[in-house]
Amino acid sequence: MLKDPLVRRLISSSAFAGAFVWVAVRFFKVDTEVVWVLFGLSFIFVGILIVMGLVLAPAVGLFRRKSSLLSKLDASPDGSPELAGQEDPQSIDNP
């Protein structure tokens, strides 16, 4: 579990955030009430972003009904991607 990069990033970022708060309170005489307000407002901000994402994701899906260019790509036998349904360029240029 500790070899997962996401878990390692979570642990290291939590340690650095804790050290940042500790240094602010200990050496720069920041009131702990200010730290708690920052902590609470951070949770509220992240919660608002999650709700906005949940609301806007279906709305964006409704506006993106056209198929994307990536879904139109089809791998040819030689391995190079080509657009599906595209005619052979030699037959267009050289009749």
PDB file of N, CA and C in Angstrom:
ATOM      1  N   MET A   1       0.815  -1.183   0.000  1.00  0.00           N
ATOM      2  CA  MET A   1       0.000   0.000   0.000  1.00  0.00           C
ATOM      3  C   MET A   1       0.870   1.263   0.000  1.00  0.00           C
ATOM      4  N   LEU A   2       1.988   1.241   0.666  1.00  0.00           N
ATOM      5  CA  LEU A   2       2.845   2.418   0.715  1.00  0.00           C
ATOM      6  C   LEU A   2       3.617   2.631  -0.579  1.00  0.00           C
ATOM      7  N   LYS A   3       3.596   1.653  -1.459  1.00  0.00           N
ATOM      8  CA  LYS A   3       4.288   1.818  -2.740  1.00  0.00           C
ATOM      9  C   LYS A   3       3.411   2.512  -3.773  1.00  0.00           C
ATOM     10  N   ASP A   4       2.128   2.659  -3.467  1.00  0.00           N
ATOM     11  CA  ASP A   4       1.228   3.365  -4.371  1.00  0.00           C
ATOM     12  C   ASP A   4       1.595   4.849  -4.372  1.00  0.00           C
ATOM     13  N   PRO A   5       1.828   5.445  -5.550  1.00  0.00           N
ATOM     14  CA  PRO A   5       2.263   6.846  -5.587  1.00  0.00           C
ATOM     15  C   PRO A   5       1.237   7.818  -5.003  1.00  0.00           C
ATOM     16  N   LEU A   6      -0.052   7.505  -5.130  1.00  0.00           N
ATOM     17  CA  LEU A   6      -1.058   8.407  -4.575  1.00  0.00           C
ATOM     18  C   LEU A   6      -1.019   8.417  -3.053  1.00  0.00           C
ATOM     19  N   VAL A   7      -0.799   7.251  -2.452  1.00  0.00           N
ATOM     20  CA  VAL A   7      -0.711   7.178  -0.991  1.00  0.00           C
ATOM     21  C   VAL A   7       0.535   7.904  -0.516  1.00  0.00           C
ATOM     22  N   ARG A   8       1.629   7.728  -1.222  1.00  0.00           N
ATOM     23  CA  ARG A   8       2.867   8.415  -0.838  1.00  0.00           C
ATOM     24  C   ARG A   8       2.717   9.926  -0.951  1.00  0.00           C
ATOM     25  N   ARG A   9       2.038  10.391  -1.986  1.00  0.00           N
ATOM     26  CA  ARG A   9       1.806  11.836  -2.130  1.00  0.00           C
ATOM     27  C   ARG A   9       0.899  12.359  -1.023  1.00  0.00           C
ATOM     28  N   LEU A  10      -0.120  11.577  -0.667  1.00  0.00           N
ATOM     29  CA  LEU A  10      -1.018  11.986   0.411  1.00  0.00           C
ATOM     30  C   LEU A  10      -0.269  12.101   1.730  1.00  0.00           C
ATOM     31  N   ILE A  11       0.580  11.126   2.023  1.00  0.00           N
ATOM     32  CA  ILE A  11       1.343  11.144   3.272  1.00  0.00           C
ATOM     33  C   ILE A  11       2.328  12.309   3.286  1.00  0.00           C
ATOM     34  N   SER A  12       3.057  12.498   2.193  1.00  0.00           N
ATOM     35  CA  SER A  12       4.051  13.578   2.180  1.00  0.00           C
ATOM     36  C   SER A  12       3.390  14.950   2.203  1.00  0.00           C
ATOM     37  N   SER A  13       2.289  15.123   1.479  1.00  0.00           N
ATOM     38  CA  SER A  13       1.619  16.428   1.500  1.00  0.00           C
ATOM     39  C   SER A  13       1.004  16.713   2.861  1.00  0.00           C
ATOM     40  N   SER A  14       0.492  15.692   3.532  1.00  0.00           N
ATOM     41  CA  SER A  14      -0.045  15.888   4.883  1.00  0.00           C
ATOM     42  C   SER A  14       1.062  16.262   5.855  1.00  0.00           C
ATOM     43  N   ALA A  15       2.221  15.632   5.724  1.00  0.00           N
ATOM     44  CA  ALA A  15       3.349  15.953   6.605  1.00  0.00           C
ATOM     45  C   ALA A  15       3.828  17.383   6.371  1.00  0.00           C
ATOM     46  N   PHE A  16       3.942  17.800   5.121  1.00  0.00           N
ATOM     47  CA  PHE A  16       4.377  19.164   4.831  1.00  0.00           C
ATOM     48  C   PHE A  16       3.341  20.193   5.284  1.00  0.00           C
ATOM     49  N   ALA A  17       2.057  19.886   5.123  1.00  0.00           N
ATOM     50  CA  ALA A  17       1.021  20.815   5.587  1.00  0.00           C
ATOM     51  C   ALA A  17       1.053  20.938   7.106  1.00  0.00           C
ATOM     52  N   GLY A  18       1.228  19.818   7.787  1.00  0.00           N
ATOM     53  CA  GLY A  18       1.335  19.856   9.247  1.00  0.00           C
ATOM     54  C   GLY A  18       2.549  20.641   9.706  1.00  0.00           C
ATOM     55  N   ALA A  19       3.669  20.459   9.028  1.00  0.00           N
ATOM     56  CA  ALA A  19       4.882  21.208   9.376  1.00  0.00           C
ATOM     57  C   ALA A  19       4.690  22.701   9.115  1.00  0.00           C
ATOM     58  N   PHE A  20       4.000  23.049   8.047  1.00  0.00           N
ATOM     59  CA  PHE A  20       3.737  24.452   7.736  1.00  0.00           C
ATOM     60  C   PHE A  20       2.907  25.102   8.837  1.00  0.00           C
ATOM     61  N   VAL A  21       1.849  24.424   9.273  1.00  0.00           N
ATOM     62  CA  VAL A  21       0.999  24.965  10.335  1.00  0.00           C
ATOM     63  C   VAL A  21       1.774  25.053  11.640  1.00  0.00           C
ATOM     64  N   TRP A  22       2.560  24.026  11.961  1.00  0.00           N
ATOM     65  CA  TRP A  22       3.348  24.026  13.199  1.00  0.00           C
ATOM     66  C   TRP A  22       4.337  25.193  13.221  1.00  0.00           C
ATOM     67  N   VAL A  23       5.032  25.429  12.114  1.00  0.00           N
ATOM     68  CA  VAL A  23       5.987  26.538  12.046  1.00  0.00           C
ATOM     69  C   VAL A  23       5.256  27.872  12.166  1.00  0.00           C
ATOM     70  N   ALA A  24       4.089  27.990  11.527  1.00  0.00           N
ATOM     71  CA  ALA A  24       3.337  29.244  11.605  1.00  0.00           C
ATOM     72  C   ALA A  24       2.909  29.537  13.035  1.00  0.00           C
ATOM     73  N   VAL A  25       2.428  28.524  13.755  1.00  0.00           N
ATOM     74  CA  VAL A  25       1.961  28.728  15.125  1.00  0.00           C
ATOM     75  C   VAL A  25       3.133  28.910  16.074  1.00  0.00           C
ATOM     76  N   ARG A  26       4.151  28.119  15.921  1.00  0.00           N
ATOM     77  CA  ARG A  26       5.266  28.118  16.883  1.00  0.00           C
ATOM     78  C   ARG A  26       6.186  29.329  16.726  1.00  0.00           C
ATOM     79  N   PHE A  27       6.620  29.615  15.518  1.00  0.00           N
ATOM     80  CA  PHE A  27       7.648  30.628  15.322  1.00  0.00           C
ATOM     81  C   PHE A  27       7.106  31.996  14.908  1.00  0.00           C
ATOM     82  N   PHE A  28       5.946  32.035  14.261  1.00  0.00           N
ATOM     83  CA  PHE A  28       5.419  33.313  13.786  1.00  0.00           C
ATOM     84  C   PHE A  28       4.234  33.797  14.609  1.00  0.00           C
ATOM     85  N   LYS A  29       3.941  33.115  15.703  1.00  0.00           N
ATOM     86  CA  LYS A  29       2.910  33.530  16.665  1.00  0.00           C
ATOM     87  C   LYS A  29       1.533  33.719  16.023  1.00  0.00           C
ATOM     88  N   VAL A  30       1.170  32.808  15.126  1.00  0.00           N
ATOM     89  CA  VAL A  30      -0.160  32.837  14.525  1.00  0.00           C
ATOM     90  C   VAL A  30      -1.124  32.194  15.513  1.00  0.00           C
ATOM     91  N   ASP A  31      -2.271  32.842  15.740  1.00  0.00           N
ATOM     92  CA  ASP A  31      -3.265  32.288  16.658  1.00  0.00           C
ATOM     93  C   ASP A  31      -3.804  30.973  16.107  1.00  0.00           C
ATOM     94  N   THR A  32      -4.062  30.033  17.005  1.00  0.00           N
ATOM     95  CA  THR A  32      -4.610  28.747  16.562  1.00  0.00           C
ATOM     96  C   THR A  32      -6.025  28.919  16.025  1.00  0.00           C
ATOM     97  N   GLU A  33      -6.730  29.954  16.469  1.00  0.00           N
ATOM     98  CA  GLU A  33      -8.070  30.210  15.945  1.00  0.00           C
ATOM     99  C   GLU A  33      -8.011  30.530  14.452  1.00  0.00           C
ATOM    100  N   VAL A  34      -6.997  31.248  14.024  1.00  0.00           N
ATOM    101  CA  VAL A  34      -6.825  31.570  12.604  1.00  0.00           C
ATOM    102  C   VAL A  34      -6.587  30.288  11.807  1.00  0.00           C
ATOM    103  N   VAL A  35      -5.809  29.387  12.368  1.00  0.00           N
ATOM    104  CA  VAL A  35      -5.532  28.118  11.691  1.00  0.00           C
ATOM    105  C   VAL A  35      -6.811  27.298  11.568  1.00  0.00           C
ATOM    106  N   TRP A  36      -7.637  27.258  12.619  1.00  0.00           N
ATOM    107  CA  TRP A  36      -8.886  26.497  12.565  1.00  0.00           C
ATOM    108  C   TRP A  36      -9.864  27.100  11.560  1.00  0.00           C
ATOM    109  N   VAL A  37      -9.904  28.432  11.480  1.00  0.00           N
ATOM    110  CA  VAL A  37     -10.773  29.074  10.485  1.00  0.00           C
ATOM    111  C   VAL A  37     -10.299  28.732   9.076  1.00  0.00           C
ATOM    112  N   LEU A  38      -8.995  28.787   8.846  1.00  0.00           N
ATOM    113  CA  LEU A  38      -8.444  28.414   7.540  1.00  0.00           C
ATOM    114  C   LEU A  38      -8.777  26.958   7.201  1.00  0.00           C
ATOM    115  N   PHE A  39      -8.651  26.080   8.189  1.00  0.00           N
ATOM    116  CA  PHE A  39      -8.952  24.664   8.002  1.00  0.00           C
ATOM    117  C   PHE A  39     -10.428  24.464   7.634  1.00  0.00           C
ATOM    118  N   GLY A  40     -11.317  25.131   8.362  1.00  0.00           N
ATOM    119  CA  GLY A  40     -12.751  25.000   8.090  1.00  0.00           C
ATOM    120  C   GLY A  40     -13.143  25.558   6.737  1.00  0.00           C
ATOM    121  N   LEU A  41     -12.618  26.742   6.410  1.00  0.00           N
ATOM    122  CA  LEU A  41     -12.938  27.339   5.114  1.00  0.00           C
ATOM    123  C   LEU A  41     -12.373  26.517   3.955  1.00  0.00           C
ATOM    124  N   SER A  42     -11.245  25.858   4.173  1.00  0.00           N
ATOM    125  CA  SER A  42     -10.685  24.985   3.133  1.00  0.00           C
ATOM    126  C   SER A  42     -11.617  23.815   2.857  1.00  0.00           C
ATOM    127  N   PHE A  43     -12.165  23.215   3.920  1.00  0.00           N
ATOM    128  CA  PHE A  43     -13.115  22.116   3.730  1.00  0.00           C
ATOM    129  C   PHE A  43     -14.381  22.595   3.022  1.00  0.00           C
ATOM    130  N   ILE A  44     -14.859  23.779   3.382  1.00  0.00           N
ATOM    131  CA  ILE A  44     -16.051  24.319   2.722  1.00  0.00           C
ATOM    132  C   ILE A  44     -15.772  24.561   1.238  1.00  0.00           C
ATOM    133  N   PHE A  45     -14.609  25.117   0.919  1.00  0.00           N
ATOM    134  CA  PHE A  45     -14.251  25.390  -0.472  1.00  0.00           C
ATOM    135  C   PHE A  45     -14.163  24.097  -1.284  1.00  0.00           C
ATOM    136  N   VAL A  46     -13.525  23.080  -0.724  1.00  0.00           N
ATOM    137  CA  VAL A  46     -13.417  21.796  -1.431  1.00  0.00           C
ATOM    138  C   VAL A  46     -14.796  21.171  -1.604  1.00  0.00           C
ATOM    139  N   GLY A  47     -15.649  21.279  -0.600  1.00  0.00           N
ATOM    140  CA  GLY A  47     -17.010  20.759  -0.711  1.00  0.00           C
ATOM    141  C   GLY A  47     -17.800  21.450  -1.806  1.00  0.00           C
ATOM    142  N   ILE A  48     -17.655  22.775  -1.901  1.00  0.00           N
ATOM    143  CA  ILE A  48     -18.341  23.524  -2.957  1.00  0.00           C
ATOM    144  C   ILE A  48     -17.840  23.085  -4.334  1.00  0.00           C
ATOM    145  N   LEU A  49     -16.540  22.869  -4.464  1.00  0.00           N
ATOM    146  CA  LEU A  49     -15.995  22.417  -5.750  1.00  0.00           C
ATOM    147  C   LEU A  49     -16.513  21.029  -6.125  1.00  0.00           C
ATOM    148  N   ILE A  50     -16.651  20.146  -5.143  1.00  0.00           N
ATOM    149  CA  ILE A  50     -17.176  18.801  -5.416  1.00  0.00           C
ATOM    150  C   ILE A  50     -18.625  18.890  -5.881  1.00  0.00           C
ATOM    151  N   VAL A  51     -19.430  19.699  -5.203  1.00  0.00           N
ATOM    152  CA  VAL A  51     -20.835  19.856  -5.593  1.00  0.00           C
ATOM    153  C   VAL A  51     -20.941  20.464  -6.989  1.00  0.00           C
ATOM    154  N   MET A  52     -20.127  21.475  -7.279  1.00  0.00           N
ATOM    155  CA  MET A  52     -20.144  22.073  -8.618  1.00  0.00           C
ATOM    156  C   MET A  52     -19.766  21.047  -9.682  1.00  0.00           C
ATOM    157  N   GLY A  53     -18.790  20.199  -9.392  1.00  0.00           N
ATOM    158  CA  GLY A  53     -18.408  19.162 -10.344  1.00  0.00           C
ATOM    159  C   GLY A  53     -19.521  18.159 -10.577  1.00  0.00           C
ATOM    160  N   LEU A  54     -20.221  17.782  -9.503  1.00  0.00           N
ATOM    161  CA  LEU A  54     -21.327  16.834  -9.642  1.00  0.00           C
ATOM    162  C   LEU A  54     -22.498  17.439 -10.412  1.00  0.00           C
ATOM    163  N   VAL A  55     -22.704  18.734 -10.282  1.00  0.00           N
ATOM    164  CA  VAL A  55     -23.800  19.393 -10.990  1.00  0.00           C
ATOM    165  C   VAL A  55     -23.431  19.653 -12.446  1.00  0.00           C
ATOM    166  N   LEU A  56     -22.206  20.092 -12.689  1.00  0.00           N
ATOM    167  CA  LEU A  56     -21.819  20.493 -14.040  1.00  0.00           C
ATOM    168  C   LEU A  56     -21.428  19.321 -14.945  1.00  0.00           C
ATOM    169  N   ALA A  57     -21.039  18.193 -14.385  1.00  0.00           N
ATOM    170  CA  ALA A  57     -20.627  17.059 -15.221  1.00  0.00           C
ATOM    171  C   ALA A  57     -21.755  16.574 -16.138  1.00  0.00           C
ATOM    172  N   PRO A  58     -22.978  16.371 -15.637  1.00  0.00           N
ATOM    173  CA  PRO A  58     -24.052  15.983 -16.572  1.00  0.00           C
ATOM    174  C   PRO A  58     -24.388  17.083 -17.576  1.00  0.00           C
ATOM    175  N   ALA A  59     -24.286  18.341 -17.160  1.00  0.00           N
ATOM    176  CA  ALA A  59     -24.581  19.439 -18.086  1.00  0.00           C
ATOM    177  C   ALA A  59     -23.578  19.464 -19.230  1.00  0.00           C
ATOM    178  N   VAL A  60     -22.320  19.258 -18.923  1.00  0.00           N
ATOM    179  CA  VAL A  60     -21.299  19.216 -19.972  1.00  0.00           C
ATOM    180  C   VAL A  60     -21.542  18.008 -20.874  1.00  0.00           C
ATOM    181  N   GLY A  61     -21.962  16.893 -20.301  1.00  0.00           N
ATOM    182  CA  GLY A  61     -22.268  15.709 -21.101  1.00  0.00           C
ATOM    183  C   GLY A  61     -23.406  15.947 -22.082  1.00  0.00           C
ATOM    184  N   LEU A  62     -24.373  16.769 -21.695  1.00  0.00           N
ATOM    185  CA  LEU A  62     -25.484  17.076 -22.606  1.00  0.00           C
ATOM    186  C   LEU A  62     -25.024  17.913 -23.790  1.00  0.00           C
ATOM    187  N   PHE A  63     -24.104  18.824 -23.554  1.00  0.00           N
ATOM    188  CA  PHE A  63     -23.615  19.673 -24.635  1.00  0.00           C
ATOM    189  C   PHE A  63     -22.612  18.962 -25.527  1.00  0.00           C
ATOM    190  N   ARG A  64     -22.033  17.884 -25.070  1.00  0.00           N
ATOM    191  CA  ARG A  64     -21.014  17.159 -25.846  1.00  0.00           C
ATOM    192  C   ARG A  64     -21.595  15.883 -26.439  1.00  0.00           C
ATOM    193  N   ARG A  65     -22.682  15.964 -27.109  1.00  0.00           N
ATOM    194  CA  ARG A  65     -23.287  14.773 -27.701  1.00  0.00           C
ATOM    195  C   ARG A  65     -22.569  14.324 -28.968  1.00  0.00           C
ATOM    196  N   LYS A  66     -21.848  15.224 -29.638  1.00  0.00           N
ATOM    197  CA  LYS A  66     -21.107  14.824 -30.831  1.00  0.00           C
ATOM    198  C   LYS A  66     -19.977  13.890 -30.421  1.00  0.00           C
ATOM    199  N   SER A  67     -19.680  12.930 -31.264  1.00  0.00           N
ATOM    200  CA  SER A  67     -18.566  12.042 -30.960  1.00  0.00           C
ATOM    201  C   SER A  67     -17.253  12.784 -31.173  1.00  0.00           C
ATOM    202  N   SER A  68     -16.299  12.464 -30.356  1.00  0.00           N
ATOM    203  CA  SER A  68     -15.017  13.161 -30.421  1.00  0.00           C
ATOM    204  C   SER A  68     -14.150  12.587 -31.538  1.00  0.00           C
ATOM    205  N   LEU A  69     -13.110  13.318 -31.879  1.00  0.00           N
ATOM    206  CA  LEU A  69     -12.190  12.876 -32.919  1.00  0.00           C
ATOM    207  C   LEU A  69     -11.481  11.594 -32.496  1.00  0.00           C
ATOM    208  N   LEU A  70     -11.207  11.468 -31.208  1.00  0.00           N
ATOM    209  CA  LEU A  70     -10.514  10.288 -30.714  1.00  0.00           C
ATOM    210  C   LEU A  70     -11.346   9.025 -30.916  1.00  0.00           C
ATOM    211  N   SER A  71     -12.665   9.123 -30.774  1.00  0.00           N
ATOM    212  CA  SER A  71     -13.504   7.947 -30.976  1.00  0.00           C
ATOM    213  C   SER A  71     -13.627   7.585 -32.452  1.00  0.00           C
ATOM    214  N   LYS A  72     -13.311   8.513 -33.347  1.00  0.00           N
ATOM    215  CA  LYS A  72     -13.379   8.227 -34.780  1.00  0.00           C
ATOM    216  C   LYS A  72     -12.108   7.577 -35.309  1.00  0.00           C
ATOM    217  N   LEU A  73     -11.042   7.584 -34.521  1.00  0.00           N
ATOM    218  CA  LEU A  73      -9.790   6.982 -34.974  1.00  0.00           C
ATOM    219  C   LEU A  73      -9.917   5.465 -35.023  1.00  0.00           C
ATOM    220  N   ASP A  74      -9.368   4.900 -36.049  1.00  0.00           N
ATOM    221  CA  ASP A  74      -9.378   3.452 -36.206  1.00  0.00           C
ATOM    222  C   ASP A  74      -7.969   3.023 -36.574  1.00  0.00           C
ATOM    223  N   ALA A  75      -7.469   2.006 -35.901  1.00  0.00           N
ATOM    224  CA  ALA A  75      -6.110   1.543 -36.186  1.00  0.00           C
ATOM    225  C   ALA A  75      -6.108   0.743 -37.482  1.00  0.00           C
ATOM    226  N   SER A  76      -5.210   1.104 -38.381  1.00  0.00           N
ATOM    227  CA  SER A  76      -5.083   0.371 -39.631  1.00  0.00           C
ATOM    228  C   SER A  76      -4.186  -0.846 -39.412  1.00  0.00           C
ATOM    229  N   PRO A  77      -4.154  -1.790 -40.354  1.00  0.00           N
ATOM    230  CA  PRO A  77      -3.340  -2.999 -40.174  1.00  0.00           C
ATOM    231  C   PRO A  77      -1.851  -2.719 -39.999  1.00  0.00           C
ATOM    232  N   ASP A  78      -1.345  -1.621 -40.580  1.00  0.00           N
ATOM    233  CA  ASP A  78       0.087  -1.356 -40.436  1.00  0.00           C
ATOM    234  C   ASP A  78       0.410  -0.641 -39.125  1.00  0.00           C
ATOM    235  N   GLY A  79      -0.613  -0.343 -38.299  1.00  0.00           N
ATOM    236  CA  GLY A  79      -0.371   0.239 -36.992  1.00  0.00           C
ATOM    237  C   GLY A  79      -0.536   1.735 -36.917  1.00  0.00           C
ATOM    238  N   SER A  80      -0.662   2.415 -38.062  1.00  0.00           N
ATOM    239  CA  SER A  80      -0.827   3.866 -38.012  1.00  0.00           C
ATOM    240  C   SER A  80      -2.313   4.192 -37.895  1.00  0.00           C
ATOM    241  N   PRO A  81      -2.670   5.138 -37.024  1.00  0.00           N
ATOM    242  CA  PRO A  81      -4.091   5.465 -36.865  1.00  0.00           C
ATOM    243  C   PRO A  81      -4.609   6.255 -38.058  1.00  0.00           C
ATOM    244  N   GLU A  82      -5.817   5.946 -38.468  1.00  0.00           N
ATOM    245  CA  GLU A  82      -6.473   6.656 -39.555  1.00  0.00           C
ATOM    246  C   GLU A  82      -7.891   6.953 -39.121  1.00  0.00           C
ATOM    247  N   LEU A  83      -8.498   7.942 -39.742  1.00  0.00           N
ATOM    248  CA  LEU A  83      -9.883   8.235 -39.440  1.00  0.00           C
ATOM    249  C   LEU A  83     -10.765   7.150 -40.031  1.00  0.00           C
ATOM    250  N   ALA A  84     -11.717   6.680 -39.260  1.00  0.00           N
ATOM    251  CA  ALA A  84     -12.643   5.664 -39.739  1.00  0.00           C
ATOM    252  C   ALA A  84     -13.540   6.276 -40.803  1.00  0.00           C
ATOM    253  N   GLY A  85     -13.742   5.581 -41.873  1.00  0.00           N
ATOM    254  CA  GLY A  85     -14.589   6.061 -42.949  1.00  0.00           C
ATOM    255  C   GLY A  85     -13.886   6.997 -43.914  1.00  0.00           C
ATOM    256  N   GLN A  86     -12.617   7.252 -43.699  1.00  0.00           N
ATOM    257  CA  GLN A  86     -11.875   8.140 -44.594  1.00  0.00           C
ATOM    258  C   GLN A  86     -11.442   7.330 -45.816  1.00  0.00           C
ATOM    259  N   GLU A  87     -11.581   7.946 -46.982  1.00  0.00           N
ATOM    260  CA  GLU A  87     -11.190   7.253 -48.207  1.00  0.00           C
ATOM    261  C   GLU A  87      -9.679   7.234 -48.338  1.00  0.00           C
ATOM    262  N   ASP A  88      -9.194   6.349 -49.188  1.00  0.00           N
ATOM    263  CA  ASP A  88      -7.762   6.246 -49.433  1.00  0.00           C
ATOM    264  C   ASP A  88      -7.276   7.523 -50.110  1.00  0.00           C
ATOM    265  N   PRO A  89      -6.237   8.190 -49.573  1.00  0.00           N
ATOM    266  CA  PRO A  89      -5.776   9.452 -50.165  1.00  0.00           C
ATOM    267  C   PRO A  89      -5.279   9.298 -51.590  1.00  0.00           C
ATOM    268  N   GLN A  90      -4.766   8.122 -51.961  1.00  0.00           N
ATOM    269  CA  GLN A  90      -4.268   7.935 -53.324  1.00  0.00           C
ATOM    270  C   GLN A  90      -5.415   7.957 -54.322  1.00  0.00           C
ATOM    271  N   SER A  91      -6.560   7.434 -53.937  1.00  0.00           N
ATOM    272  CA  SER A  91      -7.680   7.422 -54.868  1.00  0.00           C
ATOM    273  C   SER A  91      -8.267   8.819 -55.049  1.00  0.00           C
ATOM    274  N   ILE A  92      -8.100   9.688 -54.047  1.00  0.00           N
ATOM    275  CA  ILE A  92      -8.604  11.052 -54.179  1.00  0.00           C
ATOM    276  C   ILE A  92      -7.644  11.885 -55.021  1.00  0.00           C
ATOM    277  N   ASP A  93      -6.344  11.804 -54.739  1.00  0.00           N
ATOM    278  CA  ASP A  93      -5.357  12.609 -55.449  1.00  0.00           C
ATOM    279  C   ASP A  93      -5.099  12.090 -56.857  1.00  0.00           C
ATOM    280  N   ASN A  94      -4.975  10.784 -56.983  1.00  0.00           N
ATOM    281  CA  ASN A  94      -4.659  10.168 -58.275  1.00  0.00           C
ATOM    282  C   ASN A  94      -5.848   9.331 -58.732  1.00  0.00           C
ATOM    283  N   PRO A  95      -6.715   9.883 -59.576  1.00  0.00           N
ATOM    284  CA  PRO A  95      -7.898   9.109 -60.015  1.00  0.00           C
ATOM    285  C   PRO A  95      -7.558   7.961 -60.920  1.00  0.00           C
TER     286      PRO A  95
END
